[in-house]
PDB file of N, CA and C in Angstrom:
ATOM      1  N   MET A   1       1.077   8.459  10.418  1.00  0.00           N
ATOM      2  CA  MET A   1       1.990   7.582   9.730  1.00  0.00           C
ATOM      3  C   MET A   1       1.779   6.176  10.254  1.00  0.00           C
ATOM      4  N   ASN A   2       1.784   5.212   9.398  1.00  0.00           N
ATOM      5  CA  ASN A   2       1.617   3.826   9.783  1.00  0.00           C
ATOM      6  C   ASN A   2       2.954   3.127   9.724  1.00  0.00           C
ATOM      7  N   GLU A   3       3.189   2.279  10.708  1.00  0.00           N
ATOM      8  CA  GLU A   3       4.408   1.506  10.698  1.00  0.00           C
ATOM      9  C   GLU A   3       4.077   0.066  10.382  1.00  0.00           C
ATOM     10  N   MET A   4       4.925  -0.524   9.611  1.00  0.00           N
ATOM     11  CA  MET A   4       4.744  -1.888   9.194  1.00  0.00           C
ATOM     12  C   MET A   4       5.410  -2.767  10.242  1.00  0.00           C
ATOM     13  N   ASN A   5       4.756  -3.850  10.690  1.00  0.00           N
ATOM     14  CA  ASN A   5       5.412  -4.737  11.627  1.00  0.00           C
ATOM     15  C   ASN A   5       5.807  -6.065  10.995  1.00  0.00           C
ATOM     16  N   GLU A   6       5.331  -6.332   9.809  1.00  0.00           N
ATOM     17  CA  GLU A   6       5.703  -7.553   9.105  1.00  0.00           C
ATOM     18  C   GLU A   6       5.364  -7.363   7.639  1.00  0.00           C
ATOM     19  N   THR A   7       6.252  -7.812   6.739  1.00  0.00           N
ATOM     20  CA  THR A   7       5.975  -7.573   5.327  1.00  0.00           C
ATOM     21  C   THR A   7       6.413  -8.708   4.424  1.00  0.00           C
ATOM     22  N   SER A   8       6.422  -9.892   4.894  1.00  0.00           N
ATOM     23  CA  SER A   8       6.905 -10.996   4.071  1.00  0.00           C
ATOM     24  C   SER A   8       8.291 -10.677   3.525  1.00  0.00           C
ATOM     25  N   ASN A   9       9.149 -10.203   4.409  1.00  0.00           N
ATOM     26  CA  ASN A   9      10.544  -9.900   4.090  1.00  0.00           C
ATOM     27  C   ASN A   9      10.736  -8.774   3.087  1.00  0.00           C
ATOM     28  N   VAL A  10       9.985  -7.692   3.210  1.00  0.00           N
ATOM     29  CA  VAL A  10      10.242  -6.536   2.364  1.00  0.00           C
ATOM     30  C   VAL A  10      11.536  -5.906   2.846  1.00  0.00           C
ATOM     31  N   ASN A  11      12.473  -5.776   1.963  1.00  0.00           N
ATOM     32  CA  ASN A  11      13.753  -5.146   2.250  1.00  0.00           C
ATOM     33  C   ASN A  11      14.090  -4.302   1.045  1.00  0.00           C
ATOM     34  N   LYS A  12      14.361  -3.023   1.266  1.00  0.00           N
ATOM     35  CA  LYS A  12      14.574  -2.096   0.162  1.00  0.00           C
ATOM     36  C   LYS A  12      15.656  -2.594  -0.791  1.00  0.00           C
ATOM     37  N   ASN A  13      16.697  -3.198  -0.264  1.00  0.00           N
ATOM     38  CA  ASN A  13      17.786  -3.633  -1.127  1.00  0.00           C
ATOM     39  C   ASN A  13      17.489  -4.951  -1.834  1.00  0.00           C
ATOM     40  N   ASP A  14      16.647  -5.780  -1.249  1.00  0.00           N
ATOM     41  CA  ASP A  14      16.361  -7.081  -1.844  1.00  0.00           C
ATOM     42  C   ASP A  14      15.187  -7.054  -2.800  1.00  0.00           C
ATOM     43  N   ASN A  15      14.256  -6.099  -2.605  1.00  0.00           N
ATOM     44  CA  ASN A  15      13.025  -6.154  -3.377  1.00  0.00           C
ATOM     45  C   ASN A  15      12.504  -4.747  -3.616  1.00  0.00           C
ATOM     46  N   GLU A  16      12.894  -4.148  -4.713  1.00  0.00           N
ATOM     47  CA  GLU A  16      12.468  -2.786  -5.011  1.00  0.00           C
ATOM     48  C   GLU A  16      11.008  -2.716  -5.452  1.00  0.00           C
ATOM     49  N   ASN A  17      10.421  -3.824  -5.851  1.00  0.00           N
ATOM     50  CA  ASN A  17       9.072  -3.806  -6.400  1.00  0.00           C
ATOM     51  C   ASN A  17       8.102  -4.494  -5.446  1.00  0.00           C
ATOM     52  N   LEU A  18       7.306  -3.706  -4.729  1.00  0.00           N
ATOM     53  CA  LEU A  18       6.382  -4.261  -3.745  1.00  0.00           C
ATOM     54  C   LEU A  18       5.296  -5.121  -4.364  1.00  0.00           C
ATOM     55  N   THR A  19       5.075  -5.020  -5.664  1.00  0.00           N
ATOM     56  CA  THR A  19       4.011  -5.814  -6.270  1.00  0.00           C
ATOM     57  C   THR A  19       4.338  -7.300  -6.255  1.00  0.00           C
ATOM     58  N   ASN A  20       5.580  -7.681  -5.967  1.00  0.00           N
ATOM     59  CA  ASN A  20       5.940  -9.088  -5.827  1.00  0.00           C
ATOM     60  C   ASN A  20       5.426  -9.661  -4.517  1.00  0.00           C
ATOM     61  N   ILE A  21       4.981  -8.824  -3.622  1.00  0.00           N
ATOM     62  CA  ILE A  21       4.492  -9.238  -2.318  1.00  0.00           C
ATOM     63  C   ILE A  21       2.977  -9.210  -2.347  1.00  0.00           C
ATOM     64  N   GLN A  22       2.373 -10.240  -1.844  1.00  0.00           N
ATOM     65  CA  GLN A  22       0.923 -10.317  -1.874  1.00  0.00           C
ATOM     66  C   GLN A  22       0.269  -9.566  -0.724  1.00  0.00           C
ATOM     67  N   MET A  23       0.868  -9.615   0.472  1.00  0.00           N
ATOM     68  CA  MET A  23       0.246  -9.032   1.655  1.00  0.00           C
ATOM     69  C   MET A  23       1.270  -8.210   2.457  1.00  0.00           C
ATOM     70  N   ILE A  24       0.751  -7.211   3.146  1.00  0.00           N
ATOM     71  CA  ILE A  24       1.542  -6.424   4.093  1.00  0.00           C
ATOM     72  C   ILE A  24       0.723  -6.357   5.374  1.00  0.00           C
ATOM     73  N   VAL A  25       1.381  -6.475   6.516  1.00  0.00           N
ATOM     74  CA  VAL A  25       0.696  -6.395   7.797  1.00  0.00           C
ATOM     75  C   VAL A  25       1.166  -5.143   8.522  1.00  0.00           C
ATOM     76  N   PHE A  26       0.202  -4.289   8.893  1.00  0.00           N
ATOM     77  CA  PHE A  26       0.470  -3.084   9.660  1.00  0.00           C
ATOM     78  C   PHE A  26       0.019  -3.301  11.094  1.00  0.00           C
ATOM     79  N   GLU A  27       0.629  -2.576  12.008  1.00  0.00           N
ATOM     80  CA  GLU A  27       0.163  -2.575  13.384  1.00  0.00           C
ATOM     81  C   GLU A  27      -0.499  -1.236  13.646  1.00  0.00           C
ATOM     82  N   ASP A  28      -1.758  -1.254  14.105  1.00  0.00           N
ATOM     83  CA  ASP A  28      -2.460   0.001  14.360  1.00  0.00           C
ATOM     84  C   ASP A  28      -2.097   0.558  15.735  1.00  0.00           C
ATOM     85  N   GLU A  29      -2.714   1.695  16.094  1.00  0.00           N
ATOM     86  CA  GLU A  29      -2.404   2.388  17.344  1.00  0.00           C
ATOM     87  C   GLU A  29      -2.679   1.523  18.566  1.00  0.00           C
ATOM     88  N   ASP A  30      -3.604   0.568  18.440  1.00  0.00           N
ATOM     89  CA  ASP A  30      -3.965  -0.308  19.560  1.00  0.00           C
ATOM     90  C   ASP A  30      -3.146  -1.593  19.592  1.00  0.00           C
ATOM     91  N   GLY A  31      -2.185  -1.722  18.686  1.00  0.00           N
ATOM     92  CA  GLY A  31      -1.354  -2.916  18.642  1.00  0.00           C
ATOM     93  C   GLY A  31      -1.961  -4.077  17.880  1.00  0.00           C
ATOM     94  N   LEU A  32      -3.065  -3.826  17.188  1.00  0.00           N
ATOM     95  CA  LEU A  32      -3.715  -4.880  16.409  1.00  0.00           C
ATOM     96  C   LEU A  32      -3.125  -4.948  15.005  1.00  0.00           C
ATOM     97  N   ASP A  33      -2.985  -6.151  14.490  1.00  0.00           N
ATOM     98  CA  ASP A  33      -2.473  -6.334  13.133  1.00  0.00           C
ATOM     99  C   ASP A  33      -3.583  -6.121  12.116  1.00  0.00           C
ATOM    100  N   ILE A  34      -3.245  -5.418  11.052  1.00  0.00           N
ATOM    101  CA  ILE A  34      -4.163  -5.201   9.937  1.00  0.00           C
ATOM    102  C   ILE A  34      -3.478  -5.732   8.685  1.00  0.00           C
ATOM    103  N   GLU A  35      -4.044  -6.766   8.101  1.00  0.00           N
ATOM    104  CA  GLU A  35      -3.474  -7.377   6.911  1.00  0.00           C
ATOM    105  C   GLU A  35      -4.043  -6.692   5.679  1.00  0.00           C
ATOM    106  N   MET A  36      -3.156  -6.256   4.784  1.00  0.00           N
ATOM    107  CA  MET A  36      -3.548  -5.533   3.582  1.00  0.00           C
ATOM    108  C   MET A  36      -3.032  -6.278   2.344  1.00  0.00           C
ATOM    109  N   GLU A  37      -3.868  -6.305   1.313  1.00  0.00           N
ATOM    110  CA  GLU A  37      -3.497  -6.888   0.027  1.00  0.00           C
ATOM    111  C   GLU A  37      -2.881  -5.804  -0.850  1.00  0.00           C
ATOM    112  N   VAL A  38      -1.735  -6.100  -1.441  1.00  0.00           N
ATOM    113  CA  VAL A  38      -1.068  -5.159  -2.344  1.00  0.00           C
ATOM    114  C   VAL A  38      -1.745  -5.233  -3.709  1.00  0.00           C
ATOM    115  N   LEU A  39      -2.280  -4.099  -4.168  1.00  0.00           N
ATOM    116  CA  LEU A  39      -2.904  -4.041  -5.485  1.00  0.00           C
ATOM    117  C   LEU A  39      -1.926  -3.591  -6.557  1.00  0.00           C
ATOM    118  N   ASP A  40      -1.117  -2.582  -6.220  1.00  0.00           N
ATOM    119  CA  ASP A  40      -0.171  -2.038  -7.203  1.00  0.00           C
ATOM    120  C   ASP A  40       0.804  -1.121  -6.495  1.00  0.00           C
ATOM    121  N   GLU A  41       1.937  -0.913  -7.113  1.00  0.00           N
ATOM    122  CA  GLU A  41       2.935   0.056  -6.676  1.00  0.00           C
ATOM    123  C   GLU A  41       3.299   0.889  -7.895  1.00  0.00           C
ATOM    124  N   PHE A  42       3.419   2.208  -7.710  1.00  0.00           N
ATOM    125  CA  PHE A  42       3.730   3.066  -8.846  1.00  0.00           C
ATOM    126  C   PHE A  42       4.330   4.377  -8.368  1.00  0.00           C
ATOM    127  N   GLU A  43       4.941   5.100  -9.311  1.00  0.00           N
ATOM    128  CA  GLU A  43       5.441   6.436  -9.042  1.00  0.00           C
ATOM    129  C   GLU A  43       4.490   7.445  -9.648  1.00  0.00           C
ATOM    130  N   HIS A  44       4.322   8.556  -8.937  1.00  0.00           N
ATOM    131  CA  HIS A  44       3.474   9.645  -9.418  1.00  0.00           C
ATOM    132  C   HIS A  44       4.061  10.946  -8.888  1.00  0.00           C
ATOM    133  N   GLU A  45       4.351  11.849  -9.801  1.00  0.00           N
ATOM    134  CA  GLU A  45       4.920  13.154  -9.472  1.00  0.00           C
ATOM    135  C   GLU A  45       6.150  13.027  -8.567  1.00  0.00           C
ATOM    136  N   GLY A  46       7.014  12.067  -8.915  1.00  0.00           N
ATOM    137  CA  GLY A  46       8.293  11.904  -8.230  1.00  0.00           C
ATOM    138  C   GLY A  46       8.237  11.195  -6.887  1.00  0.00           C
ATOM    139  N   LYS A  47       7.079  10.685  -6.503  1.00  0.00           N
ATOM    140  CA  LYS A  47       6.956   9.963  -5.243  1.00  0.00           C
ATOM    141  C   LYS A  47       6.485   8.540  -5.516  1.00  0.00           C
ATOM    142  N   ARG A  48       6.819   7.641  -4.610  1.00  0.00           N
ATOM    143  CA  ARG A  48       6.448   6.239  -4.741  1.00  0.00           C
ATOM    144  C   ARG A  48       5.210   5.964  -3.890  1.00  0.00           C
ATOM    145  N   TYR A  49       4.240   5.274  -4.476  1.00  0.00           N
ATOM    146  CA  TYR A  49       2.988   4.967  -3.796  1.00  0.00           C
ATOM    147  C   TYR A  49       2.679   3.485  -3.909  1.00  0.00           C
ATOM    148  N   VAL A  50       1.888   3.007  -2.974  1.00  0.00           N
ATOM    149  CA  VAL A  50       1.373   1.654  -3.033  1.00  0.00           C
ATOM    150  C   VAL A  50      -0.131   1.737  -2.773  1.00  0.00           C
ATOM    151  N   ALA A  51      -0.892   0.965  -3.550  1.00  0.00           N
ATOM    152  CA  ALA A  51      -2.339   0.874  -3.377  1.00  0.00           C
ATOM    153  C   ALA A  51      -2.628  -0.431  -2.652  1.00  0.00           C
ATOM    154  N   LEU A  52      -3.320  -0.320  -1.518  1.00  0.00           N
ATOM    155  CA  LEU A  52      -3.628  -1.480  -0.690  1.00  0.00           C
ATOM    156  C   LEU A  52      -5.111  -1.524  -0.387  1.00  0.00           C
ATOM    157  N   ARG A  53      -5.598  -2.723  -0.130  1.00  0.00           N
ATOM    158  CA  ARG A  53      -6.963  -2.849   0.385  1.00  0.00           C
ATOM    159  C   ARG A  53      -6.930  -3.901   1.486  1.00  0.00           C
ATOM    160  N   PRO A  54      -7.842  -3.778   2.428  1.00  0.00           N
ATOM    161  CA  PRO A  54      -7.873  -4.769   3.511  1.00  0.00           C
ATOM    162  C   PRO A  54      -8.012  -6.177   2.941  1.00  0.00           C
ATOM    163  N   ALA A  55      -7.298  -7.114   3.550  1.00  0.00           N
ATOM    164  CA  ALA A  55      -7.390  -8.505   3.121  1.00  0.00           C
ATOM    165  C   ALA A  55      -8.811  -8.997   3.333  1.00  0.00           C
ATOM    166  N   PHE A  56      -9.286  -9.797   2.421  1.00  0.00           N
ATOM    167  CA  PHE A  56     -10.660 -10.287   2.485  1.00  0.00           C
ATOM    168  C   PHE A  56     -10.788 -11.350   3.569  1.00  0.00           C
ATOM    169  N   ASP A  57     -11.717 -11.139   4.463  1.00  0.00           N
ATOM    170  CA  ASP A  57     -12.067 -12.104   5.500  1.00  0.00           C
ATOM    171  C   ASP A  57     -13.574 -12.291   5.407  1.00  0.00           C
ATOM    172  N   ALA A  58     -14.010 -13.404   4.863  1.00  0.00           N
ATOM    173  CA  ALA A  58     -15.434 -13.621   4.608  1.00  0.00           C
ATOM    174  C   ALA A  58     -16.283 -13.485   5.861  1.00  0.00           C
ATOM    175  N   GLU A  59     -15.748 -13.877   7.013  1.00  0.00           N
ATOM    176  CA  GLU A  59     -16.521 -13.806   8.252  1.00  0.00           C
ATOM    177  C   GLU A  59     -16.674 -12.383   8.759  1.00  0.00           C
ATOM    178  N   ALA A  60     -15.671 -11.540   8.505  1.00  0.00           N
ATOM    179  CA  ALA A  60     -15.690 -10.187   9.056  1.00  0.00           C
ATOM    180  C   ALA A  60     -15.940  -9.127   7.991  1.00  0.00           C
ATOM    181  N   PHE A  61     -16.279  -9.540   6.765  1.00  0.00           N
ATOM    182  CA  PHE A  61     -16.405  -8.592   5.660  1.00  0.00           C
ATOM    183  C   PHE A  61     -17.513  -7.562   5.898  1.00  0.00           C
ATOM    184  N   THR A  62     -17.145  -6.313   5.660  1.00  0.00           N
ATOM    185  CA  THR A  62     -18.121  -5.230   5.666  1.00  0.00           C
ATOM    186  C   THR A  62     -17.921  -4.438   4.393  1.00  0.00           C
ATOM    187  N   GLU A  63     -18.865  -3.610   4.051  1.00  0.00           N
ATOM    188  CA  GLU A  63     -18.778  -2.817   2.819  1.00  0.00           C
ATOM    189  C   GLU A  63     -17.526  -1.943   2.803  1.00  0.00           C
ATOM    190  N   ASP A  64     -17.124  -1.392   3.958  1.00  0.00           N
ATOM    191  CA  ASP A  64     -15.950  -0.527   4.030  1.00  0.00           C
ATOM    192  C   ASP A  64     -14.659  -1.245   3.677  1.00  0.00           C
ATOM    193  N   GLU A  65     -14.611  -2.555   3.869  1.00  0.00           N
ATOM    194  CA  GLU A  65     -13.378  -3.290   3.629  1.00  0.00           C
ATOM    195  C   GLU A  65     -13.064  -3.451   2.151  1.00  0.00           C
ATOM    196  N   ASP A  66     -13.951  -3.016   1.282  1.00  0.00           N
ATOM    197  CA  ASP A  66     -13.688  -3.097  -0.148  1.00  0.00           C
ATOM    198  C   ASP A  66     -12.955  -1.847  -0.641  1.00  0.00           C
ATOM    199  N   SER A  67     -12.675  -0.913   0.233  1.00  0.00           N
ATOM    200  CA  SER A  67     -12.048   0.342  -0.180  1.00  0.00           C
ATOM    201  C   SER A  67     -10.551   0.168  -0.407  1.00  0.00           C
ATOM    202  N   ILE A  68     -10.008   1.065  -1.218  1.00  0.00           N
ATOM    203  CA  ILE A  68      -8.581   1.064  -1.526  1.00  0.00           C
ATOM    204  C   ILE A  68      -7.938   2.206  -0.755  1.00  0.00           C
ATOM    205  N   ASN A  69      -6.786   1.917  -0.163  1.00  0.00           N
ATOM    206  CA  ASN A  69      -6.010   2.916   0.555  1.00  0.00           C
ATOM    207  C   ASN A  69      -4.706   3.148  -0.196  1.00  0.00           C
ATOM    208  N   PHE A  70      -4.291   4.399  -0.263  1.00  0.00           N
ATOM    209  CA  PHE A  70      -3.025   4.741  -0.904  1.00  0.00           C
ATOM    210  C   PHE A  70      -2.049   5.207   0.162  1.00  0.00           C
ATOM    211  N   PHE A  71      -0.809   4.739   0.036  1.00  0.00           N
ATOM    212  CA  PHE A  71       0.247   5.116   0.957  1.00  0.00           C
ATOM    213  C   PHE A  71       1.452   5.598   0.160  1.00  0.00           C
ATOM    214  N   GLU A  72       2.069   6.673   0.638  1.00  0.00           N
ATOM    215  CA  GLU A  72       3.362   7.052   0.101  1.00  0.00           C
ATOM    216  C   GLU A  72       4.388   6.160   0.780  1.00  0.00           C
ATOM    217  N   VAL A  73       5.325   5.630   0.000  1.00  0.00           N
ATOM    218  CA  VAL A  73       6.345   4.727   0.518  1.00  0.00           C
ATOM    219  C   VAL A  73       7.690   5.447   0.441  1.00  0.00           C
ATOM    220  N   TYR A  74       8.421   5.441   1.550  1.00  0.00           N
ATOM    221  CA  TYR A  74       9.731   6.078   1.561  1.00  0.00           C
ATOM    222  C   TYR A  74      10.624   5.385   2.577  1.00  0.00           C
ATOM    223  N   ALA A  75      11.929   5.619   2.439  1.00  0.00           N
ATOM    224  CA  ALA A  75      12.895   4.997   3.344  1.00  0.00           C
ATOM    225  C   ALA A  75      12.776   5.598   4.734  1.00  0.00           C
ATOM    226  N   ASP A  76      12.888   4.745   5.737  1.00  0.00           N
ATOM    227  CA  ASP A  76      12.907   5.190   7.123  1.00  0.00           C
ATOM    228  C   ASP A  76      14.174   6.020   7.323  1.00  0.00           C
ATOM    229  N   PRO A  77      14.046   7.286   7.767  1.00  0.00           N
ATOM    230  CA  PRO A  77      15.233   8.125   7.924  1.00  0.00           C
ATOM    231  C   PRO A  77      16.227   7.584   8.951  1.00  0.00           C
ATOM    232  N   GLU A  78      15.778   6.727   9.855  1.00  0.00           N
ATOM    233  CA  GLU A  78      16.662   6.169  10.873  1.00  0.00           C
ATOM    234  C   GLU A  78      17.240   4.819  10.471  1.00  0.00           C
ATOM    235  N   ASN A  79      16.662   4.184   9.449  1.00  0.00           N
ATOM    236  CA  ASN A  79      17.133   2.876   9.004  1.00  0.00           C
ATOM    237  C   ASN A  79      16.740   2.709   7.544  1.00  0.00           C
ATOM    238  N   ASP A  80      17.673   2.959   6.638  1.00  0.00           N
ATOM    239  CA  ASP A  80      17.320   2.930   5.213  1.00  0.00           C
ATOM    240  C   ASP A  80      17.046   1.521   4.684  1.00  0.00           C
ATOM    241  N   GLU A  81      17.167   0.502   5.531  1.00  0.00           N
ATOM    242  CA  GLU A  81      16.778  -0.853   5.150  1.00  0.00           C
ATOM    243  C   GLU A  81      15.267  -1.047   5.288  1.00  0.00           C
ATOM    244  N   GLU A  82      14.615  -0.206   6.080  1.00  0.00           N
ATOM    245  CA  GLU A  82      13.187  -0.309   6.326  1.00  0.00           C
ATOM    246  C   GLU A  82      12.428   0.723   5.505  1.00  0.00           C
ATOM    247  N   GLU A  83      11.174   0.430   5.238  1.00  0.00           N
ATOM    248  CA  GLU A  83      10.335   1.362   4.503  1.00  0.00           C
ATOM    249  C   GLU A  83       9.188   1.834   5.380  1.00  0.00           C
ATOM    250  N   MET A  84       8.820   3.084   5.206  1.00  0.00           N
ATOM    251  CA  MET A  84       7.723   3.693   5.949  1.00  0.00           C
ATOM    252  C   MET A  84       6.555   3.892   4.991  1.00  0.00           C
ATOM    253  N   PHE A  85       5.350   3.871   5.538  1.00  0.00           N
ATOM    254  CA  PHE A  85       4.133   4.031   4.758  1.00  0.00           C
ATOM    255  C   PHE A  85       3.312   5.147   5.374  1.00  0.00           C
ATOM    256  N   ASP A  86       3.035   6.170   4.586  1.00  0.00           N
ATOM    257  CA  ASP A  86       2.269   7.322   5.066  1.00  0.00           C
ATOM    258  C   ASP A  86       0.924   7.338   4.341  1.00  0.00           C
ATOM    259  N   LEU A  87      -0.162   7.158   5.086  1.00  0.00           N
ATOM    260  CA  LEU A  87      -1.505   7.105   4.511  1.00  0.00           C
ATOM    261  C   LEU A  87      -1.870   8.433   3.865  1.00  0.00           C
ATOM    262  N   ILE A  88      -2.364   8.387   2.635  1.00  0.00           N
ATOM    263  CA  ILE A  88      -2.794   9.591   1.915  1.00  0.00           C
ATOM    264  C   ILE A  88      -4.259   9.833   2.256  1.00  0.00           C
ATOM    265  N   GLU A  89      -4.556  11.038   2.742  1.00  0.00           N
ATOM    266  CA  GLU A  89      -5.923  11.361   3.137  1.00  0.00           C
ATOM    267  C   GLU A  89      -6.498  12.573   2.403  1.00  0.00           C
ATOM    268  N   ASP A  90      -5.664  13.361   1.755  1.00  0.00           N
ATOM    269  CA  ASP A  90      -6.114  14.548   1.036  1.00  0.00           C
ATOM    270  C   ASP A  90      -7.011  14.132  -0.137  1.00  0.00           C
ATOM    271  N   PRO A  91      -8.244  14.666  -0.213  1.00  0.00           N
ATOM    272  CA  PRO A  91      -9.175  14.258  -1.282  1.00  0.00           C
ATOM    273  C   PRO A  91      -8.632  14.454  -2.696  1.00  0.00           C
ATOM    274  N   ALA A  92      -7.959  15.558  -2.958  1.00  0.00           N
ATOM    275  CA  ALA A  92      -7.425  15.796  -4.307  1.00  0.00           C
ATOM    276  C   ALA A  92      -6.329  14.780  -4.640  1.00  0.00           C
ATOM    277  N   SER A  93      -5.478  14.492  -3.685  1.00  0.00           N
ATOM    278  CA  SER A  93      -4.421  13.495  -3.901  1.00  0.00           C
ATOM    279  C   SER A  93      -5.020  12.110  -4.096  1.00  0.00           C
ATOM    280  N   LEU A  94      -6.034  11.786  -3.294  1.00  0.00           N
ATOM    281  CA  LEU A  94      -6.700  10.489  -3.444  1.00  0.00           C
ATOM    282  C   LEU A  94      -7.314  10.330  -4.822  1.00  0.00           C
ATOM    283  N   GLN A  95      -7.938  11.391  -5.335  1.00  0.00           N
ATOM    284  CA  GLN A  95      -8.534  11.325  -6.673  1.00  0.00           C
ATOM    285  C   GLN A  95      -7.460  11.136  -7.734  1.00  0.00           C
ATOM    286  N   ALA A  96      -6.361  11.867  -7.620  1.00  0.00           N
ATOM    287  CA  ALA A  96      -5.278  11.742  -8.599  1.00  0.00           C
ATOM    288  C   ALA A  96      -4.685  10.337  -8.578  1.00  0.00           C
ATOM    289  N   LEU A  97      -4.472   9.785  -7.392  1.00  0.00           N
ATOM    290  CA  LEU A  97      -3.908   8.442  -7.285  1.00  0.00           C
ATOM    291  C   LEU A  97      -4.903   7.382  -7.764  1.00  0.00           C
ATOM    292  N   SER A  98      -6.176   7.587  -7.491  1.00  0.00           N
ATOM    293  CA  SER A  98      -7.209   6.676  -7.998  1.00  0.00           C
ATOM    294  C   SER A  98      -7.220   6.652  -9.520  1.00  0.00           C
ATOM    295  N   ASP A  99      -7.073   7.829 -10.132  1.00  0.00           N
ATOM    296  CA  ASP A  99      -7.031   7.910 -11.591  1.00  0.00           C
ATOM    297  C   ASP A  99      -5.809   7.179 -12.149  1.00  0.00           C
ATOM    298  N   VAL A 100      -4.658   7.356 -11.502  1.00  0.00           N
ATOM    299  CA  VAL A 100      -3.445   6.661 -11.943  1.00  0.00           C
ATOM    300  C   VAL A 100      -3.643   5.156 -11.849  1.00  0.00           C
ATOM    301  N   LEU A 101      -4.165   4.697 -10.715  1.00  0.00           N
ATOM    302  CA  LEU A 101      -4.386   3.262 -10.534  1.00  0.00           C
ATOM    303  C   LEU A 101      -5.363   2.720 -11.573  1.00  0.00           C
ATOM    304  N   GLU A 102      -6.456   3.420 -11.793  1.00  0.00           N
ATOM    305  CA  GLU A 102      -7.444   2.973 -12.777  1.00  0.00           C
ATOM    306  C   GLU A 102      -6.817   2.854 -14.164  1.00  0.00           C
ATOM    307  N   ASN A 103      -6.038   3.850 -14.569  1.00  0.00           N
ATOM    308  CA  ASN A 103      -5.371   3.809 -15.877  1.00  0.00           C
ATOM    309  C   ASN A 103      -4.389   2.648 -15.966  1.00  0.00           C
ATOM    310  N   ARG A 104      -3.649   2.407 -14.898  1.00  0.00           N
ATOM    311  CA  ARG A 104      -2.686   1.300 -14.900  1.00  0.00           C
ATOM    312  C   ARG A 104      -3.398  -0.051 -15.000  1.00  0.00           C
ATOM    313  N   LEU A 105      -4.482  -0.189 -14.259  1.00  0.00           N
ATOM    314  CA  LEU A 105      -5.209  -1.462 -14.283  1.00  0.00           C
ATOM    315  C   LEU A 105      -5.881  -1.691 -15.633  1.00  0.00           C
ATOM    316  N   MET A 106      -6.412  -0.604 -16.219  1.00  0.00           N
ATOM    317  CA  MET A 106      -7.040  -0.724 -17.544  1.00  0.00           C
ATOM    318  C   MET A 106      -6.013  -1.086 -18.606  1.00  0.00           C
ATOM    319  N   SER A 107      -4.816  -0.495 -18.530  1.00  0.00           N
ATOM    320  CA  SER A 107      -3.800  -0.803 -19.530  1.00  0.00           C
ATOM    321  C   SER A 107      -3.321  -2.247 -19.396  1.00  0.00           C
ATOM    322  N   ARG A 108      -3.305  -2.784 -18.193  1.00  0.00           N
ATOM    323  CA  ARG A 108      -2.932  -4.204 -18.011  1.00  0.00           C
ATOM    324  C   ARG A 108      -3.991  -5.122 -18.610  1.00  0.00           C
ATOM    325  N   GLY A 109      -5.252  -4.695 -18.518  1.00  0.00           N
ATOM    326  CA  GLY A 109      -6.341  -5.496 -19.074  1.00  0.00           C
ATOM    327  C   GLY A 109      -6.297  -5.551 -20.583  1.00  0.00           C
ATOM    328  N   ASN A 110      -5.663  -4.556 -21.205  1.00  0.00           N
ATOM    329  CA  ASN A 110      -5.561  -4.501 -22.661  1.00  0.00           C
ATOM    330  C   ASN A 110      -4.344  -5.234 -23.189  1.00  0.00           C
ATOM    331  N   GLU A 111      -3.514  -5.746 -22.317  1.00  0.00           N
ATOM    332  CA  GLU A 111      -2.287  -6.430 -22.779  1.00  0.00           C
ATOM    333  C   GLU A 111      -2.564  -7.854 -23.175  1.00  0.00           C
TER     334      GLU A 111
END
């Protein structure tokens, strides 16, 4: 599970739609900040997900940084004002979420 240490004031009661936020910063196991770009937020099979990719840094860019990560988003059981992000790693779930994201992005392109 990843914990968010800064989110440009993401507050469940103030902002239900994460797509209004451009970046989210996570703290990894070593205490390093990882800045992620928000691509989309959506519901799938009754759960809320966010699609993120590492923020682009031209100096540190590697091929892996172009990948998209999916996280399930849910309220922190100890503080319902905070949100928790659980990285999705199951291949079947990743494929299903990738398909949802692709369909959503394609439908936006047709608008």
